[in-house]
């Protein structure tokens, strides 16, 4: 005779979660324009000269003074 085994209620374990990743590539173009401006400069350099001369002036003055008295003549002895 066969005996039936005893059965217990099932034990339910927490669900095992698995994740699968799927990827789709989308291209988004980014345009970065640039510009170079070349500026040409023309400089006028004004040069100023100041030549200088020198001269000498000799000044002579005369004074006429009225002196009282007989004058500077020598007196006879």
Protein backbone atom coordinates (compact mmCIF):
# COMPACT_ATOMS: atom_id res chain seq x y z
CA UNK A 1 0.00 0.00 0.00
CA UNK A 2 1.05 3.32 -0.86
CA UNK A 3 0.79 6.16 1.51
CA UNK A 4 0.11 9.52 0.31
CA UNK A 5 2.73 12.00 1.36
CA UNK A 6 1.64 14.82 3.48
CA UNK A 7 1.22 18.06 1.59
CA UNK A 8 1.91 21.39 3.05
CA UNK A 9 0.66 24.62 1.63
CA UNK A 10 3.02 26.11 -0.91
CA UNK A 11 5.53 28.74 0.14
CA UNK A 12 5.41 31.69 -2.22
CA UNK A 13 8.67 33.62 -2.41
CA UNK A 14 8.85 37.30 -3.45
CA UNK A 15 8.84 37.86 -7.16
CA UNK A 16 12.24 38.11 -8.78
CA UNK A 17 12.27 41.19 -11.04
CA UNK A 18 14.35 41.19 -14.16
CA UNK A 19 14.91 44.28 -16.31
CA UNK A 20 15.82 44.30 -19.94
CA UNK A 21 16.95 47.52 -21.59
CA UNK A 22 16.17 48.35 -25.17
CA UNK A 23 17.77 51.31 -26.91
CA UNK A 24 16.92 53.34 -29.96
CA UNK A 25 19.34 55.96 -31.29
CA UNK A 26 18.04 59.26 -32.62
CA UNK A 27 20.53 61.71 -34.15
CA UNK A 28 20.00 65.39 -33.34
CA UNK A 29 22.34 67.62 -35.37
CA UNK A 30 23.78 70.66 -33.57
CA UNK A 31 25.27 73.34 -35.80
CA UNK A 32 27.73 75.84 -34.29
CA UNK A 33 28.64 78.44 -36.94
CA UNK A 34 31.60 80.75 -36.49
CA UNK A 35 32.87 83.84 -38.28
CA UNK A 36 36.20 85.67 -38.28
CA UNK A 37 36.40 89.36 -39.15
CA UNK A 38 39.78 90.78 -40.07
CA UNK A 39 40.06 94.50 -39.32
CA UNK A 40 42.82 96.39 -41.10
CA UNK A 41 44.03 99.46 -39.22
CA UNK A 42 45.85 102.37 -40.82
CA UNK A 43 47.55 104.73 -38.37
CA UNK A 44 48.68 108.22 -39.36
CA UNK A 45 51.54 109.27 -37.12
CA UNK A 46 51.85 113.05 -37.14
CA UNK A 47 55.34 114.06 -36.09
CA UNK A 48 55.73 117.64 -34.89
CA UNK A 49 59.13 119.31 -34.77
CA UNK A 50 59.92 122.56 -32.99
CA UNK A 51 63.30 123.89 -34.15
CA UNK A 52 64.61 126.59 -31.85
CA UNK A 53 67.23 129.24 -32.46
CA UNK A 54 69.10 131.43 -30.00
CA UNK A 55 70.49 134.93 -30.18
CA UNK A 56 72.35 137.33 -27.89
CA UNK A 57 71.57 141.01 -27.43
CA UNK A 58 74.08 143.28 -25.74
CA UNK A 59 72.29 146.21 -24.20
CA UNK A 60 74.14 149.40 -23.39
CA UNK A 61 72.53 152.27 -21.57
CA UNK A 62 73.73 155.81 -20.90
CA UNK A 63 72.76 157.94 -17.95
CA UNK A 64 73.21 161.68 -17.91
CA UNK A 65 73.34 162.92 -14.36
CA UNK A 66 73.35 166.58 -13.40
CA UNK A 67 75.87 167.04 -10.63
CA UNK A 68 76.06 170.27 -8.66
CA UNK A 69 79.39 171.88 -8.06
CA UNK A 70 82.44 172.78 -10.10
CA UNK A 71 82.87 169.38 -11.67
CA UNK A 72 85.54 166.72 -11.64
CA UNK A 73 88.27 169.01 -13.02
CA UNK A 74 91.45 169.11 -11.01
CA UNK A 75 91.94 172.23 -8.94
CA UNK A 76 95.01 174.29 -9.62
CA UNK A 77 97.45 174.48 -6.73
